[in-house]
PDB file of N, CA and C in Angstrom:
ATOM      1  N   MET A   1      32.297 -51.391  23.291  1.00  0.00           N
ATOM      2  CA  MET A   1      32.230 -52.354  22.278  1.00  0.00           C
ATOM      3  C   MET A   1      30.789 -52.151  21.563  1.00  0.00           C
ATOM      4  N   THR A   2      30.778 -52.083  20.247  1.00  0.00           N
ATOM      5  CA  THR A   2      29.504 -52.034  19.526  1.00  0.00           C
ATOM      6  C   THR A   2      29.206 -53.421  19.134  1.00  0.00           C
ATOM      7  N   THR A   3      27.886 -53.768  19.408  1.00  0.00           N
ATOM      8  CA  THR A   3      27.433 -55.066  19.122  1.00  0.00           C
ATOM      9  C   THR A   3      26.225 -54.962  18.274  1.00  0.00           C
ATOM     10  N   SER A   4      26.007 -56.076  17.536  1.00  0.00           N
ATOM     11  CA  SER A   4      24.747 -56.191  16.718  1.00  0.00           C
ATOM     12  C   SER A   4      24.338 -57.728  16.841  1.00  0.00           C
ATOM     13  N   VAL A   5      23.041 -57.947  16.891  1.00  0.00           N
ATOM     14  CA  VAL A   5      22.551 -59.263  16.806  1.00  0.00           C
ATOM     15  C   VAL A   5      22.007 -59.579  15.486  1.00  0.00           C
ATOM     16  N   VAL A   6      22.522 -60.568  14.918  1.00  0.00           N
ATOM     17  CA  VAL A   6      22.121 -61.084  13.554  1.00  0.00           C
ATOM     18  C   VAL A   6      21.463 -62.437  13.731  1.00  0.00           C
ATOM     19  N   SER A   7      20.260 -62.602  13.500  1.00  0.00           N
ATOM     20  CA  SER A   7      19.490 -63.785  13.493  1.00  0.00           C
ATOM     21  C   SER A   7      19.571 -64.497  12.176  1.00  0.00           C
ATOM     22  N   ILE A   8      20.235 -65.601  12.076  1.00  0.00           N
ATOM     23  CA  ILE A   8      20.497 -66.275  10.798  1.00  0.00           C
ATOM     24  C   ILE A   8      19.382 -67.347  10.606  1.00  0.00           C
ATOM     25  N   VAL A   9      18.767 -67.341   9.384  1.00  0.00           N
ATOM     26  CA  VAL A   9      17.833 -68.433   9.084  1.00  0.00           C
ATOM     27  C   VAL A   9      18.347 -69.105   7.888  1.00  0.00           C
ATOM     28  N   TYR A  10      18.516 -70.362   8.021  1.00  0.00           N
ATOM     29  CA  TYR A  10      18.927 -71.212   6.882  1.00  0.00           C
ATOM     30  C   TYR A  10      17.873 -71.557   5.915  1.00  0.00           C
ATOM     31  N   VAL A  11      18.086 -71.327   4.643  1.00  0.00           N
ATOM     32  CA  VAL A  11      17.054 -71.512   3.626  1.00  0.00           C
ATOM     33  C   VAL A  11      17.721 -72.266   2.418  1.00  0.00           C
ATOM     34  N   ASN A  12      16.842 -72.800   1.583  1.00  0.00           N
ATOM     35  CA  ASN A  12      17.246 -73.399   0.456  1.00  0.00           C
ATOM     36  C   ASN A  12      17.712 -72.376  -0.766  1.00  0.00           C
ATOM     37  N   ASP A  13      16.979 -71.327  -0.841  1.00  0.00           N
ATOM     38  CA  ASP A  13      17.145 -70.356  -1.959  1.00  0.00           C
ATOM     39  C   ASP A  13      17.001 -68.928  -1.375  1.00  0.00           C
ATOM     40  N   ALA A  14      18.197 -68.339  -1.096  1.00  0.00           N
ATOM     41  CA  ALA A  14      18.255 -66.988  -0.404  1.00  0.00           C
ATOM     42  C   ALA A  14      17.360 -65.922  -1.120  1.00  0.00           C
ATOM     43  N   PRO A  15      17.509 -65.834  -2.429  1.00  0.00           N
ATOM     44  CA  PRO A  15      16.731 -64.870  -3.140  1.00  0.00           C
ATOM     45  C   PRO A  15      15.168 -65.036  -3.044  1.00  0.00           C
ATOM     46  N   ALA A  16      14.784 -66.288  -3.152  1.00  0.00           N
ATOM     47  CA  ALA A  16      13.339 -66.649  -2.990  1.00  0.00           C
ATOM     48  C   ALA A  16      12.873 -66.383  -1.593  1.00  0.00           C
ATOM     49  N   ALA A  17      13.676 -66.659  -0.576  1.00  0.00           N
ATOM     50  CA  ALA A  17      13.399 -66.478   0.819  1.00  0.00           C
ATOM     51  C   ALA A  17      13.324 -64.971   1.072  1.00  0.00           C
ATOM     52  N   ALA A  18      14.154 -64.224   0.468  1.00  0.00           N
ATOM     53  CA  ALA A  18      14.156 -62.761   0.622  1.00  0.00           C
ATOM     54  C   ALA A  18      12.987 -62.115   0.078  1.00  0.00           C
ATOM     55  N   ARG A  19      12.502 -62.601  -1.052  1.00  0.00           N
ATOM     56  CA  ARG A  19      11.148 -62.108  -1.596  1.00  0.00           C
ATOM     57  C   ARG A  19      10.088 -62.431  -0.540  1.00  0.00           C
ATOM     58  N   PHE A  20      10.022 -63.619   0.045  1.00  0.00           N
ATOM     59  CA  PHE A  20       9.008 -64.001   0.992  1.00  0.00           C
ATOM     60  C   PHE A  20       9.032 -63.113   2.303  1.00  0.00           C
ATOM     61  N   TYR A  21      10.260 -62.998   2.857  1.00  0.00           N
ATOM     62  CA  TYR A  21      10.415 -62.133   4.050  1.00  0.00           C
ATOM     63  C   TYR A  21      10.265 -60.635   3.751  1.00  0.00           C
ATOM     64  N   GLY A  22      10.700 -60.259   2.586  1.00  0.00           N
ATOM     65  CA  GLY A  22      10.488 -58.808   2.278  1.00  0.00           C
ATOM     66  C   GLY A  22       9.007 -58.447   2.169  1.00  0.00           C
ATOM     67  N   ASP A  23       8.320 -59.415   1.551  1.00  0.00           N
ATOM     68  CA  ASP A  23       6.765 -59.152   1.513  1.00  0.00           C
ATOM     69  C   ASP A  23       6.204 -59.147   2.845  1.00  0.00           C
ATOM     70  N   LEU A  24       6.529 -60.088   3.714  1.00  0.00           N
ATOM     71  CA  LEU A  24       5.943 -60.011   5.139  1.00  0.00           C
ATOM     72  C   LEU A  24       6.297 -58.883   5.914  1.00  0.00           C
ATOM     73  N   LEU A  25       7.633 -58.447   5.786  1.00  0.00           N
ATOM     74  CA  LEU A  25       8.174 -57.359   6.583  1.00  0.00           C
ATOM     75  C   LEU A  25       7.890 -55.993   5.942  1.00  0.00           C
ATOM     76  N   GLY A  26       7.529 -55.893   4.690  1.00  0.00           N
ATOM     77  CA  GLY A  26       7.292 -54.683   4.000  1.00  0.00           C
ATOM     78  C   GLY A  26       8.609 -53.925   3.863  1.00  0.00           C
ATOM     79  N   MET A  27       9.716 -54.633   3.554  1.00  0.00           N
ATOM     80  CA  MET A  27      10.979 -53.905   3.357  1.00  0.00           C
ATOM     81  C   MET A  27      11.870 -54.670   2.393  1.00  0.00           C
ATOM     82  N   SER A  28      12.875 -53.948   1.904  1.00  0.00           N
ATOM     83  CA  SER A  28      13.780 -54.492   1.034  1.00  0.00           C
ATOM     84  C   SER A  28      15.153 -54.873   1.832  1.00  0.00           C
ATOM     85  N   PRO A  29      15.827 -55.879   1.240  1.00  0.00           N
ATOM     86  CA  PRO A  29      17.112 -56.277   1.874  1.00  0.00           C
ATOM     87  C   PRO A  29      18.106 -55.129   1.908  1.00  0.00           C
ATOM     88  N   SER A  30      18.872 -55.195   3.014  1.00  0.00           N
ATOM     89  CA  SER A  30      19.978 -54.132   3.169  1.00  0.00           C
ATOM     90  C   SER A  30      21.292 -54.570   2.636  1.00  0.00           C
ATOM     91  N   PHE A  31      21.471 -55.876   2.407  1.00  0.00           N
ATOM     92  CA  PHE A  31      22.678 -56.397   1.799  1.00  0.00           C
ATOM     93  C   PHE A  31      22.299 -57.710   1.110  1.00  0.00           C
ATOM     94  N   GLU A  32      23.007 -57.852  -0.078  1.00  0.00           N
ATOM     95  CA  GLU A  32      22.591 -59.060  -0.902  1.00  0.00           C
ATOM     96  C   GLU A  32      23.780 -59.591  -1.594  1.00  0.00           C
ATOM     97  N   THR A  33      23.992 -60.921  -1.429  1.00  0.00           N
ATOM     98  CA  THR A  33      24.908 -61.752  -2.290  1.00  0.00           C
ATOM     99  C   THR A  33      23.994 -62.833  -2.762  1.00  0.00           C
ATOM    100  N   PRO A  34      24.437 -63.760  -3.668  1.00  0.00           N
ATOM    101  CA  PRO A  34      23.551 -64.836  -4.090  1.00  0.00           C
ATOM    102  C   PRO A  34      23.122 -65.772  -3.005  1.00  0.00           C
ATOM    103  N   GLY A  35      23.907 -65.952  -1.953  1.00  0.00           N
ATOM    104  CA  GLY A  35      23.558 -66.919  -0.923  1.00  0.00           C
ATOM    105  C   GLY A  35      23.380 -66.420   0.400  1.00  0.00           C
ATOM    106  N   TYR A  36      23.471 -65.022   0.597  1.00  0.00           N
ATOM    107  CA  TYR A  36      23.367 -64.456   1.928  1.00  0.00           C
ATOM    108  C   TYR A  36      22.784 -63.060   1.781  1.00  0.00           C
ATOM    109  N   ILE A  37      21.618 -62.887   2.394  1.00  0.00           N
ATOM    110  CA  ILE A  37      20.878 -61.613   2.211  1.00  0.00           C
ATOM    111  C   ILE A  37      20.378 -61.213   3.601  1.00  0.00           C
ATOM    112  N   THR A  38      20.577 -59.927   3.928  1.00  0.00           N
ATOM    113  CA  THR A  38      20.172 -59.400   5.215  1.00  0.00           C
ATOM    114  C   THR A  38      19.087 -58.358   5.121  1.00  0.00           C
ATOM    115  N   PHE A  39      18.340 -58.239   6.203  1.00  0.00           N
ATOM    116  CA  PHE A  39      17.369 -57.174   6.368  1.00  0.00           C
ATOM    117  C   PHE A  39      17.763 -56.368   7.608  1.00  0.00           C
ATOM    118  N   ASP A  40      17.893 -55.063   7.557  1.00  0.00           N
ATOM    119  CA  ASP A  40      18.180 -54.207   8.677  1.00  0.00           C
ATOM    120  C   ASP A  40      16.833 -53.979   9.471  1.00  0.00           C
ATOM    121  N   LEU A  41      16.741 -54.499  10.655  1.00  0.00           N
ATOM    122  CA  LEU A  41      15.607 -54.383  11.416  1.00  0.00           C
ATOM    123  C   LEU A  41      15.620 -53.316  12.387  1.00  0.00           C
ATOM    124  N   GLY A  42      16.646 -52.445  12.388  1.00  0.00           N
ATOM    125  CA  GLY A  42      16.672 -51.323  13.257  1.00  0.00           C
ATOM    126  C   GLY A  42      18.019 -51.396  14.006  1.00  0.00           C
ATOM    127  N   PRO A  43      18.272 -50.413  14.838  1.00  0.00           N
ATOM    128  CA  PRO A  43      19.563 -50.360  15.595  1.00  0.00           C
ATOM    129  C   PRO A  43      19.961 -51.641  16.243  1.00  0.00           C
ATOM    130  N   GLY A  44      21.073 -52.254  15.822  1.00  0.00           N
ATOM    131  CA  GLY A  44      21.555 -53.467  16.369  1.00  0.00           C
ATOM    132  C   GLY A  44      20.937 -54.811  16.146  1.00  0.00           C
ATOM    133  N   ALA A  45      20.059 -54.847  15.087  1.00  0.00           N
ATOM    134  CA  ALA A  45      19.357 -56.127  14.797  1.00  0.00           C
ATOM    135  C   ALA A  45      19.175 -56.276  13.323  1.00  0.00           C
ATOM    136  N   GLU A  46      19.568 -57.486  12.826  1.00  0.00           N
ATOM    137  CA  GLU A  46      19.407 -57.795  11.512  1.00  0.00           C
ATOM    138  C   GLU A  46      18.815 -59.246  11.363  1.00  0.00           C
ATOM    139  N   LEU A  47      18.171 -59.537  10.263  1.00  0.00           N
ATOM    140  CA  LEU A  47      17.712 -60.859   9.968  1.00  0.00           C
ATOM    141  C   LEU A  47      18.473 -61.306   8.656  1.00  0.00           C
ATOM    142  N   ALA A  48      19.181 -62.323   8.779  1.00  0.00           N
ATOM    143  CA  ALA A  48      19.981 -62.917   7.644  1.00  0.00           C
ATOM    144  C   ALA A  48      19.343 -64.171   7.136  1.00  0.00           C
ATOM    145  N   LEU A  49      19.359 -64.344   5.845  1.00  0.00           N
ATOM    146  CA  LEU A  49      18.961 -65.462   5.090  1.00  0.00           C
ATOM    147  C   LEU A  49      20.115 -66.159   4.460  1.00  0.00           C
ATOM    148  N   TRP A  50      20.434 -67.428   4.722  1.00  0.00           N
ATOM    149  CA  TRP A  50      21.694 -67.969   4.260  1.00  0.00           C
ATOM    150  C   TRP A  50      21.397 -69.290   3.577  1.00  0.00           C
ATOM    151  N   SER A  51      21.765 -69.389   2.314  1.00  0.00           N
ATOM    152  CA  SER A  51      21.574 -70.655   1.617  1.00  0.00           C
ATOM    153  C   SER A  51      22.923 -71.317   1.458  1.00  0.00           C
ATOM    154  N   GLY A  52      22.819 -72.651   1.143  1.00  0.00           N
ATOM    155  CA  GLY A  52      24.063 -73.395   0.796  1.00  0.00           C
ATOM    156  C   GLY A  52      24.739 -74.007   2.069  1.00  0.00           C
ATOM    157  N   GLN A  53      24.186 -73.755   3.185  1.00  0.00           N
ATOM    158  CA  GLN A  53      24.768 -74.359   4.432  1.00  0.00           C
ATOM    159  C   GLN A  53      24.284 -75.720   4.663  1.00  0.00           C
ATOM    160  N   PHE A  54      23.115 -76.093   4.246  1.00  0.00           N
ATOM    161  CA  PHE A  54      22.582 -77.387   4.315  1.00  0.00           C
ATOM    162  C   PHE A  54      21.877 -77.695   3.062  1.00  0.00           C
ATOM    163  N   GLU A  55      22.009 -78.971   2.648  1.00  0.00           N
ATOM    164  CA  GLU A  55      21.390 -79.353   1.441  1.00  0.00           C
ATOM    165  C   GLU A  55      19.911 -79.813   1.682  1.00  0.00           C
ATOM    166  N   ASP A  56      19.044 -79.413   0.771  1.00  0.00           N
ATOM    167  CA  ASP A  56      17.579 -79.783   0.846  1.00  0.00           C
ATOM    168  C   ASP A  56      16.944 -79.701   2.188  1.00  0.00           C
ATOM    169  N   LEU A  57      16.944 -78.530   2.636  1.00  0.00           N
ATOM    170  CA  LEU A  57      16.192 -78.204   3.901  1.00  0.00           C
ATOM    171  C   LEU A  57      14.665 -78.653   3.608  1.00  0.00           C
ATOM    172  N   SER A  58      14.124 -79.291   4.565  1.00  0.00           N
ATOM    173  CA  SER A  58      12.714 -79.652   4.354  1.00  0.00           C
ATOM    174  C   SER A  58      11.794 -79.108   5.384  1.00  0.00           C
ATOM    175  N   PRO A  59      10.613 -78.611   4.975  1.00  0.00           N
ATOM    176  CA  PRO A  59       9.634 -78.092   5.934  1.00  0.00           C
ATOM    177  C   PRO A  59       9.222 -79.287   6.960  1.00  0.00           C
ATOM    178  N   ASP A  60       9.351 -80.518   6.602  1.00  0.00           N
ATOM    179  CA  ASP A  60       9.011 -81.593   7.329  1.00  0.00           C
ATOM    180  C   ASP A  60       9.887 -81.889   8.584  1.00  0.00           C
ATOM    181  N   VAL A  61      11.092 -81.337   8.589  1.00  0.00           N
ATOM    182  CA  VAL A  61      12.039 -81.504   9.701  1.00  0.00           C
ATOM    183  C   VAL A  61      11.634 -80.638  10.806  1.00  0.00           C
ATOM    184  N   PRO A  62      11.371 -81.083  11.938  1.00  0.00           N
ATOM    185  CA  PRO A  62      10.983 -80.239  13.125  1.00  0.00           C
ATOM    186  C   PRO A  62      12.034 -79.232  13.457  1.00  0.00           C
ATOM    187  N   ARG A  63      11.556 -77.974  13.792  1.00  0.00           N
ATOM    188  CA  ARG A  63      12.400 -76.789  14.153  1.00  0.00           C
ATOM    189  C   ARG A  63      12.352 -76.588  15.619  1.00  0.00           C
ATOM    190  N   THR A  64      13.416 -76.129  16.216  1.00  0.00           N
ATOM    191  CA  THR A  64      13.319 -75.941  17.698  1.00  0.00           C
ATOM    192  C   THR A  64      13.586 -74.471  17.980  1.00  0.00           C
ATOM    193  N   SER A  65      13.631 -73.630  17.008  1.00  0.00           N
ATOM    194  CA  SER A  65      13.763 -72.238  17.249  1.00  0.00           C
ATOM    195  C   SER A  65      12.757 -71.429  16.314  1.00  0.00           C
ATOM    196  N   GLU A  66      12.642 -70.196  16.644  1.00  0.00           N
ATOM    197  CA  GLU A  66      11.737 -69.247  15.943  1.00  0.00           C
ATOM    198  C   GLU A  66      12.327 -67.907  15.756  1.00  0.00           C
ATOM    199  N   VAL A  67      11.901 -67.336  14.653  1.00  0.00           N
ATOM    200  CA  VAL A  67      12.164 -65.838  14.486  1.00  0.00           C
ATOM    201  C   VAL A  67      10.890 -65.275  15.072  1.00  0.00           C
ATOM    202  N   CYS A  68      10.983 -64.340  15.974  1.00  0.00           N
ATOM    203  CA  CYS A  68       9.753 -63.740  16.606  1.00  0.00           C
ATOM    204  C   CYS A  68       9.755 -62.266  16.151  1.00  0.00           C
ATOM    205  N   LEU A  69       8.628 -61.880  15.551  1.00  0.00           N
ATOM    206  CA  LEU A  69       8.418 -60.527  15.125  1.00  0.00           C
ATOM    207  C   LEU A  69       7.588 -59.976  16.303  1.00  0.00           C
ATOM    208  N   ALA A  70       8.194 -59.140  17.175  1.00  0.00           N
ATOM    209  CA  ALA A  70       7.541 -58.534  18.309  1.00  0.00           C
ATOM    210  C   ALA A  70       6.884 -57.182  17.853  1.00  0.00           C
ATOM    211  N   ILE A  71       5.657 -57.180  17.983  1.00  0.00           N
ATOM    212  CA  ILE A  71       4.698 -56.018  17.531  1.00  0.00           C
ATOM    213  C   ILE A  71       4.645 -54.991  18.691  1.00  0.00           C
ATOM    214  N   GLY A  72       5.205 -53.747  18.347  1.00  0.00           N
ATOM    215  CA  GLY A  72       5.082 -52.651  19.295  1.00  0.00           C
ATOM    216  C   GLY A  72       3.670 -52.321  19.613  1.00  0.00           C
ATOM    217  N   GLY A  73       3.430 -52.177  20.890  1.00  0.00           N
ATOM    218  CA  GLY A  73       2.025 -51.947  21.339  1.00  0.00           C
ATOM    219  C   GLY A  73       1.283 -53.347  21.558  1.00  0.00           C
ATOM    220  N   GLY A  74       1.537 -54.250  20.593  1.00  0.00           N
ATOM    221  CA  GLY A  74       1.056 -55.619  20.801  1.00  0.00           C
ATOM    222  C   GLY A  74      -0.384 -55.740  21.104  1.00  0.00           C
ATOM    223  N   ARG A  75      -1.226 -54.753  20.723  1.00  0.00           N
ATOM    224  CA  ARG A  75      -2.638 -55.023  20.966  1.00  0.00           C
ATOM    225  C   ARG A  75      -3.224 -56.179  20.141  1.00  0.00           C
ATOM    226  N   PRO A  76      -4.157 -56.951  20.709  1.00  0.00           N
ATOM    227  CA  PRO A  76      -4.682 -58.074  20.062  1.00  0.00           C
ATOM    228  C   PRO A  76      -5.239 -57.788  18.702  1.00  0.00           C
ATOM    229  N   ASP A  77      -5.749 -56.616  18.404  1.00  0.00           N
ATOM    230  CA  ASP A  77      -6.248 -56.276  17.098  1.00  0.00           C
ATOM    231  C   ASP A  77      -5.131 -56.164  16.029  1.00  0.00           C
ATOM    232  N   GLU A  78      -3.905 -55.766  16.519  1.00  0.00           N
ATOM    233  CA  GLU A  78      -2.823 -55.619  15.631  1.00  0.00           C
ATOM    234  C   GLU A  78      -2.276 -57.025  15.265  1.00  0.00           C
ATOM    235  N   VAL A  79      -2.171 -57.938  16.180  1.00  0.00           N
ATOM    236  CA  VAL A  79      -1.714 -59.354  15.979  1.00  0.00           C
ATOM    237  C   VAL A  79      -2.761 -59.999  15.048  1.00  0.00           C
ATOM    238  N   SER A  80      -4.059 -59.731  15.316  1.00  0.00           N
ATOM    239  CA  SER A  80      -5.115 -60.394  14.499  1.00  0.00           C
ATOM    240  C   SER A  80      -5.069 -59.865  13.083  1.00  0.00           C
ATOM    241  N   ALA A  81      -4.782 -58.624  12.852  1.00  0.00           N
ATOM    242  CA  ALA A  81      -4.717 -57.987  11.499  1.00  0.00           C
ATOM    243  C   ALA A  81      -3.546 -58.583  10.815  1.00  0.00           C
ATOM    244  N   ILE A  82      -2.413 -58.780  11.393  1.00  0.00           N
ATOM    245  CA  ILE A  82      -1.207 -59.394  10.739  1.00  0.00           C
ATOM    246  C   ILE A  82      -1.614 -60.779  10.382  1.00  0.00           C
ATOM    247  N   PHE A  83      -2.238 -61.584  11.294  1.00  0.00           N
ATOM    248  CA  PHE A  83      -2.604 -62.969  11.045  1.00  0.00           C
ATOM    249  C   PHE A  83      -3.510 -62.934   9.737  1.00  0.00           C
ATOM    250  N   LYS A  84      -4.547 -62.230   9.716  1.00  0.00           N
ATOM    251  CA  LYS A  84      -5.400 -62.238   8.495  1.00  0.00           C
ATOM    252  C   LYS A  84      -4.727 -61.797   7.172  1.00  0.00           C
ATOM    253  N   GLN A  85      -3.800 -60.772   7.261  1.00  0.00           N
ATOM    254  CA  GLN A  85      -2.984 -60.452   6.200  1.00  0.00           C
ATOM    255  C   GLN A  85      -2.138 -61.574   5.677  1.00  0.00           C
ATOM    256  N   TRP A  86      -1.460 -62.228   6.590  1.00  0.00           N
ATOM    257  CA  TRP A  86      -0.576 -63.376   6.217  1.00  0.00           C
ATOM    258  C   TRP A  86      -1.392 -64.558   5.605  1.00  0.00           C
ATOM    259  N   GLN A  87      -2.497 -64.774   6.309  1.00  0.00           N
ATOM    260  CA  GLN A  87      -3.433 -65.894   5.815  1.00  0.00           C
ATOM    261  C   GLN A  87      -3.838 -65.601   4.392  1.00  0.00           C
ATOM    262  N   SER A  88      -4.164 -64.357   4.114  1.00  0.00           N
ATOM    263  CA  SER A  88      -4.627 -63.947   2.774  1.00  0.00           C
ATOM    264  C   SER A  88      -3.547 -64.145   1.703  1.00  0.00           C
ATOM    265  N   LYS A  89      -2.277 -64.038   2.156  1.00  0.00           N
ATOM    266  CA  LYS A  89      -1.067 -64.267   1.319  1.00  0.00           C
ATOM    267  C   LYS A  89      -0.716 -65.741   1.114  1.00  0.00           C
ATOM    268  N   GLY A  90      -1.381 -66.649   1.776  1.00  0.00           N
ATOM    269  CA  GLY A  90      -1.120 -67.970   1.677  1.00  0.00           C
ATOM    270  C   GLY A  90       0.017 -68.510   2.520  1.00  0.00           C
ATOM    271  N   VAL A  91       0.390 -67.768   3.538  1.00  0.00           N
ATOM    272  CA  VAL A  91       1.504 -68.134   4.433  1.00  0.00           C
ATOM    273  C   VAL A  91       1.013 -69.311   5.237  1.00  0.00           C
ATOM    274  N   THR A  92       1.902 -70.288   5.353  1.00  0.00           N
ATOM    275  CA  THR A  92       1.544 -71.485   6.290  1.00  0.00           C
ATOM    276  C   THR A  92       1.382 -71.131   7.690  1.00  0.00           C
ATOM    277  N   ILE A  93       0.235 -71.407   8.227  1.00  0.00           N
ATOM    278  CA  ILE A  93      -0.010 -71.091   9.611  1.00  0.00           C
ATOM    279  C   ILE A  93       0.116 -72.430  10.442  1.00  0.00           C
ATOM    280  N   LEU A  94       0.974 -72.456  11.423  1.00  0.00           N
ATOM    281  CA  LEU A  94       1.224 -73.559  12.214  1.00  0.00           C
ATOM    282  C   LEU A  94       0.283 -73.623  13.489  1.00  0.00           C
ATOM    283  N   HIS A  95       0.014 -72.400  14.081  1.00  0.00           N
ATOM    284  CA  HIS A  95      -0.860 -72.265  15.207  1.00  0.00           C
ATOM    285  C   HIS A  95      -1.599 -70.906  15.079  1.00  0.00           C
ATOM    286  N   GLU A  96      -2.878 -71.014  15.032  1.00  0.00           N
ATOM    287  CA  GLU A  96      -3.698 -69.845  14.911  1.00  0.00           C
ATOM    288  C   GLU A  96      -3.653 -68.968  16.166  1.00  0.00           C
ATOM    289  N   PRO A  97      -4.026 -67.668  16.057  1.00  0.00           N
ATOM    290  CA  PRO A  97      -3.953 -66.747  17.235  1.00  0.00           C
ATOM    291  C   PRO A  97      -4.590 -67.373  18.439  1.00  0.00           C
ATOM    292  N   HIS A  98      -3.843 -67.169  19.590  1.00  0.00           N
ATOM    293  CA  HIS A  98      -4.290 -67.689  20.920  1.00  0.00           C
ATOM    294  C   HIS A  98      -3.549 -66.858  21.962  1.00  0.00           C
ATOM    295  N   ASP A  99      -4.133 -66.897  23.201  1.00  0.00           N
ATOM    296  CA  ASP A  99      -3.478 -66.150  24.276  1.00  0.00           C
ATOM    297  C   ASP A  99      -2.537 -67.139  24.951  1.00  0.00           C
ATOM    298  N   ALA A 100      -1.261 -66.743  24.906  1.00  0.00           N
ATOM    299  CA  ALA A 100      -0.245 -67.587  25.542  1.00  0.00           C
ATOM    300  C   ALA A 100       0.291 -67.099  26.862  1.00  0.00           C
ATOM    301  N   GLY A 101      -0.543 -66.258  27.482  1.00  0.00           N
ATOM    302  CA  GLY A 101      -0.123 -65.709  28.818  1.00  0.00           C
ATOM    303  C   GLY A 101       0.574 -64.455  28.765  1.00  0.00           C
ATOM    304  N   PHE A 102       1.338 -64.201  27.659  1.00  0.00           N
ATOM    305  CA  PHE A 102       1.960 -62.915  27.477  1.00  0.00           C
ATOM    306  C   PHE A 102       1.309 -62.019  26.421  1.00  0.00           C
ATOM    307  N   GLY A 103       0.116 -62.581  25.893  1.00  0.00           N
ATOM    308  CA  GLY A 103      -0.697 -61.837  24.954  1.00  0.00           C
ATOM    309  C   GLY A 103      -1.014 -62.757  23.752  1.00  0.00           C
ATOM    310  N   LEU A 104      -1.816 -62.176  22.841  1.00  0.00           N
ATOM    311  CA  LEU A 104      -2.162 -62.917  21.565  1.00  0.00           C
ATOM    312  C   LEU A 104      -0.991 -63.150  20.759  1.00  0.00           C
ATOM    313  N   THR A 105      -0.845 -64.298  20.277  1.00  0.00           N
ATOM    314  CA  THR A 105       0.273 -64.732  19.402  1.00  0.00           C
ATOM    315  C   THR A 105      -0.165 -65.803  18.420  1.00  0.00           C
ATOM    316  N   PHE A 106       0.643 -65.861  17.279  1.00  0.00           N
ATOM    317  CA  PHE A 106       0.371 -66.964  16.398  1.00  0.00           C
ATOM    318  C   PHE A 106       1.692 -67.401  15.785  1.00  0.00           C
ATOM    319  N   LEU A 107       1.697 -68.592  15.121  1.00  0.00           N
ATOM    320  CA  LEU A 107       2.968 -69.157  14.621  1.00  0.00           C
ATOM    321  C   LEU A 107       2.720 -69.583  13.197  1.00  0.00           C
ATOM    322  N   ALA A 108       3.685 -69.146  12.299  1.00  0.00           N
ATOM    323  CA  ALA A 108       3.627 -69.349  10.931  1.00  0.00           C
ATOM    324  C   ALA A 108       5.003 -70.038  10.524  1.00  0.00           C
ATOM    325  N   ALA A 109       5.036 -70.394   9.253  1.00  0.00           N
ATOM    326  CA  ALA A 109       6.336 -71.003   8.767  1.00  0.00           C
ATOM    327  C   ALA A 109       6.684 -70.447   7.414  1.00  0.00           C
ATOM    328  N   ASP A 110       7.975 -70.278   7.190  1.00  0.00           N
ATOM    329  CA  ASP A 110       8.376 -69.897   5.789  1.00  0.00           C
ATOM    330  C   ASP A 110       8.273 -71.085   4.884  1.00  0.00           C
ATOM    331  N   PRO A 111       8.638 -70.912   3.542  1.00  0.00           N
ATOM    332  CA  PRO A 111       8.515 -72.018   2.648  1.00  0.00           C
ATOM    333  C   PRO A 111       9.549 -73.188   2.999  1.00  0.00           C
ATOM    334  N   ASP A 112      10.593 -72.780   3.726  1.00  0.00           N
ATOM    335  CA  ASP A 112      11.645 -73.875   4.110  1.00  0.00           C
ATOM    336  C   ASP A 112      11.237 -74.552   5.451  1.00  0.00           C
ATOM    337  N   GLY A 113      10.217 -74.135   6.117  1.00  0.00           N
ATOM    338  CA  GLY A 113       9.697 -74.720   7.370  1.00  0.00           C
ATOM    339  C   GLY A 113      10.218 -73.981   8.490  1.00  0.00           C
ATOM    340  N   ASN A 114      10.942 -72.950   8.419  1.00  0.00           N
ATOM    341  CA  ASN A 114      11.429 -72.130   9.567  1.00  0.00           C
ATOM    342  C   ASN A 114      10.171 -71.436  10.238  1.00  0.00           C
ATOM    343  N   ARG A 115      10.220 -71.387  11.499  1.00  0.00           N
ATOM    344  CA  ARG A 115       9.106 -70.975  12.351  1.00  0.00           C
ATOM    345  C   ARG A 115       9.167 -69.443  12.475  1.00  0.00           C
ATOM    346  N   ILE A 116       8.069 -68.692  12.334  1.00  0.00           N
ATOM    347  CA  ILE A 116       7.912 -67.334  12.490  1.00  0.00           C
ATOM    348  C   ILE A 116       6.783 -67.065  13.516  1.00  0.00           C
ATOM    349  N   ARG A 117       7.109 -66.372  14.600  1.00  0.00           N
ATOM    350  CA  ARG A 117       6.077 -66.192  15.636  1.00  0.00           C
ATOM    351  C   ARG A 117       5.766 -64.586  15.534  1.00  0.00           C
ATOM    352  N   VAL A 118       4.482 -64.262  15.726  1.00  0.00           N
ATOM    353  CA  VAL A 118       4.096 -62.884  15.825  1.00  0.00           C
ATOM    354  C   VAL A 118       3.537 -62.774  17.225  1.00  0.00           C
ATOM    355  N   ALA A 119       4.087 -61.922  18.021  1.00  0.00           N
ATOM    356  CA  ALA A 119       3.728 -61.678  19.410  1.00  0.00           C
ATOM    357  C   ALA A 119       3.793 -60.256  19.814  1.00  0.00           C
ATOM    358  N   PRO A 120       3.192 -59.965  20.911  1.00  0.00           N
ATOM    359  CA  PRO A 120       3.347 -58.568  21.387  1.00  0.00           C
ATOM    360  C   PRO A 120       4.758 -58.278  21.981  1.00  0.00           C
ATOM    361  N   LYS A 121       5.228 -57.006  21.731  1.00  0.00           N
ATOM    362  CA  LYS A 121       6.538 -56.700  22.302  1.00  0.00           C
ATOM    363  C   LYS A 121       6.289 -56.394  23.780  1.00  0.00           C
ATOM    364  N   ASP A 122       7.244 -56.840  24.533  1.00  0.00           N
ATOM    365  CA  ASP A 122       7.196 -56.581  26.079  1.00  0.00           C
ATOM    366  C   ASP A 122       7.042 -55.142  26.344  1.00  0.00           C
TER     367      ASP A 122
END
């Protein structure tokens, strides 16, 4: 059986969210419709942005899940460099870089309030 993991992030405006994530990831979508856009993250993994499933998503509503961008090598200087890059782009930072026991990590949010963690890959 061939499987793929698709992480779905609910957003208010899929094209706007795709521009935000495309800029952060440095890639273009692999599939696009007006309300559902995906990014191919590598063998067996995709990130999907889906609008129209909830009305008026608000950044003020607490989120209990995260999209985690696991950085290969995960050296602290790599995580710090991504943090500085995102900060310069005006990305909302929820928690600045800190050592969480598994390495240096930080937490950001997309314009809809969805949480994005940057952490070292195991």
